[in-house]
Amino acid sequence: MDWDENQIRLYVDDLLLNTTDLKETVNTDKAGRNPFHQPHYLLVNLPIGGQNGGDPSATVFPARFEVDYIRVYQQQQKK
């Protein structure tokens, strides 16, 4: 993911899959703040079931979800 003040670009194996213009992303709150110009945090989880996961009844629990590391890079501001 490349995220700057204008766009968010999503890649898989260096192949660009999606581009979102941040001028088109506005919250529906009364303030009308752009959600992508607000502070953020990362949330990593293991979803089970749902629309994409299918029927979880055959899942053996407890399941194990190990994350070795997550990297976040911030580009230096252009002068």
Protein backbone atom coordinates (compact mmCIF):
# COMPACT_ATOMS: atom_id res chain seq x y z
CA MET A 1 0.00 0.00 0.00
CA ASP A 2 1.28 3.42 -0.94
CA TRP A 3 -0.64 6.15 0.86
CA ASP A 4 0.09 9.83 0.34
CA GLU A 5 -1.92 13.03 0.71
CA ASN A 6 -3.67 12.48 -2.65
CA GLN A 7 -4.17 8.74 -3.21
CA ILE A 8 -4.04 5.24 -1.78
CA ARG A 9 -2.62 2.62 -4.14
CA LEU A 10 -2.90 -1.10 -3.33
CA TYR A 11 -0.42 -3.62 -4.75
CA VAL A 12 0.08 -7.38 -4.63
CA ASP A 13 3.48 -8.59 -5.79
CA ASP A 14 4.18 -5.14 -7.27
CA LEU A 15 1.01 -5.31 -9.40
CA LEU A 16 -1.24 -2.27 -8.91
CA LEU A 17 -4.75 -3.54 -8.07
CA ASN A 18 -6.60 -0.43 -6.96
CA THR A 19 -6.21 3.33 -6.70
CA THR A 20 -8.46 5.53 -4.55
CA ASP A 21 -8.50 9.30 -4.94
CA LEU A 22 -8.70 10.77 -1.42
CA LYS A 23 -10.73 13.73 -2.69
CA GLU A 24 -13.59 11.23 -3.13
CA THR A 25 -13.44 9.77 0.40
CA VAL A 26 -15.45 11.79 2.93
CA ASN A 27 -17.04 10.63 6.18
CA THR A 28 -20.77 10.94 6.57
CA ASP A 29 -20.35 12.62 9.96
CA LYS A 30 -21.55 16.18 10.41
CA ALA A 31 -18.01 17.53 10.25
CA GLY A 32 -17.46 15.98 6.78
CA ARG A 33 -13.87 15.05 7.65
CA ASN A 34 -11.90 12.93 5.24
CA PRO A 35 -11.21 9.65 7.09
CA PHE A 36 -7.86 9.21 5.35
CA HIS A 37 -6.54 12.52 6.63
CA GLN A 38 -7.11 11.48 10.27
CA PRO A 39 -4.81 9.50 12.61
CA HIS A 40 -4.88 5.71 12.07
CA TYR A 41 -3.70 2.48 13.63
CA LEU A 42 -3.24 -1.09 12.36
CA LEU A 43 -5.52 -3.93 13.43
CA VAL A 44 -4.48 -7.49 12.61
CA ASN A 45 -6.92 -10.31 13.25
CA LEU A 46 -7.96 -13.80 12.16
CA PRO A 47 -11.54 -13.65 10.87
CA ILE A 48 -13.49 -16.90 10.87
CA GLY A 49 -16.59 -17.55 8.77
CA GLY A 50 -18.56 -14.68 7.27
CA GLN A 51 -19.16 -14.00 3.59
CA ASN A 52 -15.63 -14.79 2.40
CA GLY A 53 -14.70 -17.45 4.95
CA GLY A 54 -17.64 -19.75 4.51
CA ASP A 55 -19.02 -22.17 7.09
CA PRO A 56 -16.63 -22.36 10.07
CA SER A 57 -18.29 -25.45 11.64
CA ALA A 58 -15.51 -27.76 10.35
CA THR A 59 -12.76 -25.54 11.80
CA VAL A 60 -10.56 -27.17 14.42
CA PHE A 61 -10.11 -24.94 17.46
CA PRO A 62 -8.05 -23.54 18.96
CA ALA A 63 -6.68 -22.04 15.75
CA ARG A 64 -3.25 -20.48 15.68
CA PHE A 65 -2.43 -17.16 14.03
CA GLU A 66 1.23 -16.18 14.20
CA VAL A 67 2.59 -12.91 12.89
CA ASP A 68 6.35 -12.68 12.79
CA TYR A 69 6.42 -8.94 12.17
CA ILE A 70 4.61 -6.08 10.51
CA ARG A 71 6.52 -3.30 8.85
CA VAL A 72 5.31 0.23 8.36
CA TYR A 73 7.42 2.70 6.42
CA GLN A 74 6.93 6.40 6.14
CA GLN A 75 8.42 8.26 3.22
CA GLN A 76 10.32 11.38 4.04
CA GLN A 77 8.42 14.58 3.36
CA LYS A 78 9.33 16.33 0.11
CA LYS A 79 10.95 19.69 0.63
